[in-house]
Protein backbone atom coordinates (compact mmCIF):
# COMPACT_ATOMS: atom_id res chain seq x y z
CA MET A 1 -62.57 34.35 -35.89
CA LYS A 2 -59.27 35.27 -37.56
CA PHE A 3 -57.84 36.22 -34.16
CA LEU A 4 -58.85 32.89 -32.65
CA ALA A 5 -57.33 31.00 -35.59
CA ILE A 6 -54.03 32.84 -35.18
CA VAL A 7 -53.95 32.07 -31.43
CA ALA A 8 -54.65 28.39 -32.11
CA LEU A 9 -51.89 28.23 -34.75
CA ALA A 10 -49.43 29.89 -32.39
CA ALA A 11 -50.24 27.35 -29.69
CA VAL A 12 -49.59 24.49 -32.08
CA LEU A 13 -46.27 26.00 -33.16
CA LEU A 14 -45.19 26.58 -29.57
CA ALA A 15 -46.07 23.00 -28.65
CA GLY A 16 -44.06 21.69 -31.57
CA GLY A 17 -41.09 23.87 -30.65
CA ALA A 18 -41.11 22.67 -27.05
CA GLU A 19 -41.20 19.07 -28.20
CA ALA A 20 -38.29 19.64 -30.59
CA ALA A 21 -36.24 21.26 -27.82
CA THR A 22 -36.47 18.19 -25.58
CA PRO A 23 -33.09 16.41 -25.80
CA PRO A 24 -33.20 12.77 -26.79
CA SER A 25 -32.33 10.25 -24.06
CA THR A 26 -28.64 9.23 -24.09
CA SER A 27 -27.66 5.58 -23.91
CA THR A 28 -24.67 4.60 -21.78
CA VAL A 29 -22.51 1.59 -21.07
CA THR A 30 -20.71 0.96 -17.74
CA VAL A 31 -17.62 -1.22 -17.55
CA THR A 32 -14.90 -2.04 -15.01
CA GLY A 33 -11.23 -1.97 -15.93
CA THR A 34 -8.26 -3.43 -14.06
CA GLY A 35 -4.64 -2.37 -14.38
CA THR A 36 -1.73 -4.37 -12.95
CA ILE A 37 1.90 -3.32 -12.70
CA THR A 38 4.60 -5.68 -11.40
CA ALA A 39 7.65 -4.27 -9.63
CA VAL A 40 10.47 -5.43 -7.36
CA PRO A 41 10.29 -4.04 -3.79
CA ASP A 42 13.30 -1.93 -2.94
CA GLN A 43 12.69 -1.18 0.75
CA ALA A 44 12.33 -3.29 3.89
CA SER A 45 11.35 -2.73 7.50
CA PHE A 46 12.53 -4.77 10.50
CA SER A 47 12.05 -4.81 14.24
CA PHE A 48 14.87 -5.80 16.59
CA THR A 49 14.30 -6.71 20.24
CA VAL A 50 16.84 -6.73 23.03
CA GLN A 51 15.90 -8.63 26.19
CA THR A 52 17.81 -8.82 29.48
CA LYS A 53 17.08 -10.65 32.74
CA ALA A 54 18.48 -9.48 36.09
CA THR A 55 17.69 -9.80 39.78
CA THR A 56 16.56 -6.17 40.10
CA ALA A 57 14.47 -3.95 37.88
CA ALA A 58 17.15 -1.28 37.70
CA ALA A 59 19.81 -3.76 36.69
CA ALA A 60 17.61 -5.28 34.00
CA LEU A 61 16.77 -1.88 32.55
CA GLY A 62 20.35 -0.63 32.75
CA ARG A 63 21.94 -3.63 31.07
CA ASN A 64 19.23 -3.76 28.45
CA ALA A 65 19.69 -0.07 27.67
CA THR A 66 23.41 -0.57 27.16
CA THR A 67 22.84 -3.40 24.70
CA THR A 68 20.05 -1.52 22.89
CA HIS A 69 22.36 1.47 22.37
CA ALA A 70 24.92 -0.92 20.91
CA VAL A 71 22.33 -2.35 18.50
CA ILE A 72 21.30 1.15 17.40
CA ALA A 73 24.93 2.11 16.80
CA ALA A 74 25.51 -1.09 14.84
CA VAL A 75 22.59 -0.58 12.45
CA GLU A 76 23.63 3.03 11.94
CA ASP A 77 27.16 1.87 11.09
CA ALA A 78 25.55 -0.57 8.62
CA GLY A 79 24.03 2.36 6.73
CA VAL A 80 20.67 3.08 8.39
CA ALA A 81 19.84 6.77 8.83
CA GLU A 82 19.01 7.94 12.36
CA ALA A 83 15.63 9.21 11.12
CA ASP A 84 14.70 5.67 10.09
CA ILE A 85 15.27 4.15 13.55
CA GLN A 86 12.47 4.33 16.08
CA THR A 87 11.81 2.83 19.52
CA SER A 88 8.52 0.93 19.22
CA GLN A 89 8.30 -0.73 22.64
CA VAL A 90 9.89 -0.70 26.10
CA SER A 91 8.77 -3.18 28.74
CA LEU A 92 9.73 -4.44 32.19
CA ASP A 93 8.17 -7.58 33.64
CA PRO A 94 8.67 -9.39 36.96
CA VAL A 95 9.68 -13.03 37.02
CA THR A 96 8.05 -14.96 39.85
CA SER A 97 9.12 -18.09 41.65
CA ASN A 98 7.76 -21.45 40.65
CA ASP A 99 5.03 -21.25 43.28
CA GLY A 100 4.20 -17.66 42.25
CA THR A 101 4.63 -16.27 45.76
CA SER A 102 7.66 -14.05 45.21
CA ILE A 103 9.52 -12.03 42.57
CA VAL A 104 12.90 -13.55 41.83
CA ALA A 105 14.02 -11.44 38.84
CA PHE A 106 13.00 -8.90 36.21
CA THR A 107 13.03 -9.02 32.43
CA ALA A 108 13.57 -5.80 30.49
CA SER A 109 12.86 -5.55 26.78
CA ASP A 110 13.41 -2.85 24.15
CA THR A 111 12.26 -3.06 20.56
CA ILE A 112 13.46 -0.75 17.80
CA SER A 113 12.01 -0.51 14.32
CA VAL A 114 14.11 0.15 11.24
CA THR A 115 12.24 1.48 8.21
CA ARG A 116 13.03 2.46 4.61
CA LEU A 117 15.94 0.07 4.58
CA ALA A 118 17.38 -0.60 1.15
CA ILE A 119 17.00 -4.27 0.24
CA ALA A 120 20.65 -4.46 -0.77
CA ARG A 121 21.71 -3.57 2.80
CA ALA A 122 18.97 -5.46 4.66
CA GLY A 123 20.89 -8.67 5.33
CA ALA A 124 23.95 -6.84 6.58
CA VAL A 125 21.81 -4.71 8.91
CA VAL A 126 20.15 -7.81 10.38
CA ASP A 127 23.53 -9.39 11.00
CA ALA A 128 24.86 -6.19 12.57
CA ALA A 129 21.89 -5.94 14.94
CA VAL A 130 22.20 -9.55 16.05
CA GLY A 131 25.96 -9.22 16.39
CA ALA A 132 25.47 -6.23 18.69
CA GLY A 133 23.08 -8.10 20.98
CA ALA A 134 19.57 -8.19 19.47
CA THR A 135 17.81 -11.31 20.75
CA SER A 136 14.82 -11.28 18.36
CA VAL A 137 14.32 -10.18 14.77
CA TYR A 138 10.92 -9.55 13.14
CA GLY A 139 10.43 -8.92 9.42
CA PRO A 140 10.92 -8.09 6.73
CA SER A 141 8.01 -5.96 5.67
CA LEU A 142 8.73 -5.15 2.02
CA ALA A 143 7.60 -2.01 0.20
CA LEU A 144 7.99 -0.02 -3.00
CA SER A 145 9.48 3.43 -2.61
CA ALA A 146 7.72 4.52 -5.83
CA GLN A 147 4.34 3.09 -4.77
CA ASP A 148 2.36 6.20 -5.78
CA ALA A 149 3.93 6.46 -9.23
CA ILE A 150 3.41 2.76 -9.89
CA TYR A 151 -0.22 2.98 -8.77
CA ALA A 152 -0.75 5.90 -11.15
CA LYS A 153 0.47 3.69 -14.01
CA ALA A 154 -1.91 0.95 -12.89
CA LEU A 155 -4.79 3.45 -12.95
CA LYS A 156 -3.96 4.47 -16.52
CA ALA A 157 -3.87 0.81 -17.55
CA ALA A 158 -7.24 0.24 -15.85
CA VAL A 159 -8.85 3.14 -17.74
CA ALA A 160 -7.40 1.87 -21.04
CA GLN A 161 -8.82 -1.58 -20.41
CA ALA A 162 -12.22 -0.12 -19.53
CA LYS A 163 -12.29 1.82 -22.79
CA THR A 164 -11.33 -1.28 -24.78
CA LYS A 165 -14.15 -3.27 -23.20
CA ALA A 166 -16.66 -0.46 -23.76
CA GLN A 167 -15.61 -0.16 -27.42
CA ALA A 168 -16.14 -3.88 -27.94
CA LEU A 169 -19.62 -3.68 -26.44
CA ALA A 170 -20.51 -0.65 -28.55
CA ASP A 171 -19.29 -2.37 -31.73
CA ALA A 172 -21.30 -5.48 -30.91
CA ALA A 173 -24.42 -3.36 -30.48
CA GLY A 174 -23.82 -1.34 -33.64
CA LEU A 175 -23.42 1.88 -31.68
CA THR A 176 -20.79 4.62 -31.50
CA LEU A 177 -18.80 4.96 -28.29
CA GLY A 178 -18.82 8.48 -26.88
CA GLY A 179 -17.03 10.24 -24.07
CA VAL A 180 -16.76 9.47 -20.38
CA VAL A 181 -19.88 10.26 -18.35
CA THR A 182 -18.68 9.14 -14.92
CA MET A 183 -15.57 7.48 -13.54
CA ASP A 184 -15.05 5.86 -10.13
CA GLU A 185 -11.78 4.61 -8.68
CA GLY A 186 -11.72 1.24 -7.00
CA GLY A 187 -9.27 -0.05 -4.41
CA GLY A 188 -5.59 -0.66 -5.04
CA VAL A 189 -3.61 -3.58 -3.63
CA ALA A 190 -0.01 -4.77 -3.62
CA VAL A 191 0.34 -8.54 -3.84
CA PRO A 192 3.70 -10.30 -3.30
CA LEU A 193 4.90 -12.78 -5.90
CA PRO A 194 7.88 -15.17 -5.75
CA TYR A 195 11.06 -13.92 -7.34
CA ALA A 196 14.61 -15.17 -7.02
CA GLN A 197 17.50 -12.78 -6.53
CA GLY A 198 20.99 -13.72 -5.51
CA ALA A 199 22.47 -12.59 -2.20
CA ALA A 200 25.97 -12.73 -0.75
CA LYS A 201 26.49 -16.05 1.03
CA ASP A 202 28.08 -14.49 4.11
CA VAL A 203 25.05 -12.33 5.08
CA THR A 204 21.46 -13.09 5.95
CA PRO A 205 19.62 -13.43 2.61
CA ILE A 206 16.69 -11.07 2.05
CA GLU A 207 14.85 -11.96 -1.15
CA PRO A 208 12.66 -9.07 -2.35
CA GLY A 209 10.34 -11.06 -4.60
CA THR A 210 7.96 -8.93 -6.64
CA GLN A 211 4.75 -7.08 -5.90
CA THR A 212 1.86 -6.50 -8.26
CA VAL A 213 0.20 -3.15 -7.77
CA GLN A 214 -3.39 -3.34 -8.95
CA ALA A 215 -5.98 -0.62 -9.57
CA THR A 216 -9.61 -0.82 -10.68
CA VAL A 217 -11.91 1.80 -12.20
CA THR A 218 -15.57 1.78 -13.12
CA VAL A 219 -16.28 3.99 -16.13
CA THR A 220 -19.57 4.96 -17.78
CA PHE A 221 -19.38 5.98 -21.47
CA SER A 222 -22.09 7.54 -23.60
CA LEU A 223 -23.40 5.71 -26.66
CA SER A 224 -25.03 7.01 -29.80
């Protein structure tokens, strides 16, 4: 009988120990934070097209090539590095007669793209390209050279906002905010905003405006 009583007592103690070892469920709160940094774009991209019409394909291509080389030389003289100039399209198209029965001429076209162009030089580069023979200009496409660093700042601001929101919720519930359980990064966007900046009156004005770089994070905090 004593042996049975001891076994029964041990079973009770073991059951109690197992129950005590079970960790209590942890409460959490999940919030979304947004961080926004505003900056002035400092780089621009343009495309310049040269188009020539001639009676033969060879003549159209040859004359167009000569003018395109002149445009490239002009933008280089205006301060664009060779590595930032790229041919993006070359085309040759026949021109038919009004009744469409014969080819009467050919139109050759070359398009070059200029990237990582400093905003301060952008207007002068456009004028140089047109002065050298560019017949079409497309752009600008504005960008931030420090995009990654600015986005990192936006991420930090987003996490700070998420923590502030979580703290407010914890305080309202009478709970203590704990550490981060999970964290997910949302998408980042750059949105242009109007911004006035003076430009020399004798060159094509390129106004950089501003861009807001935005980041979002979803963070889950523990509560106790």
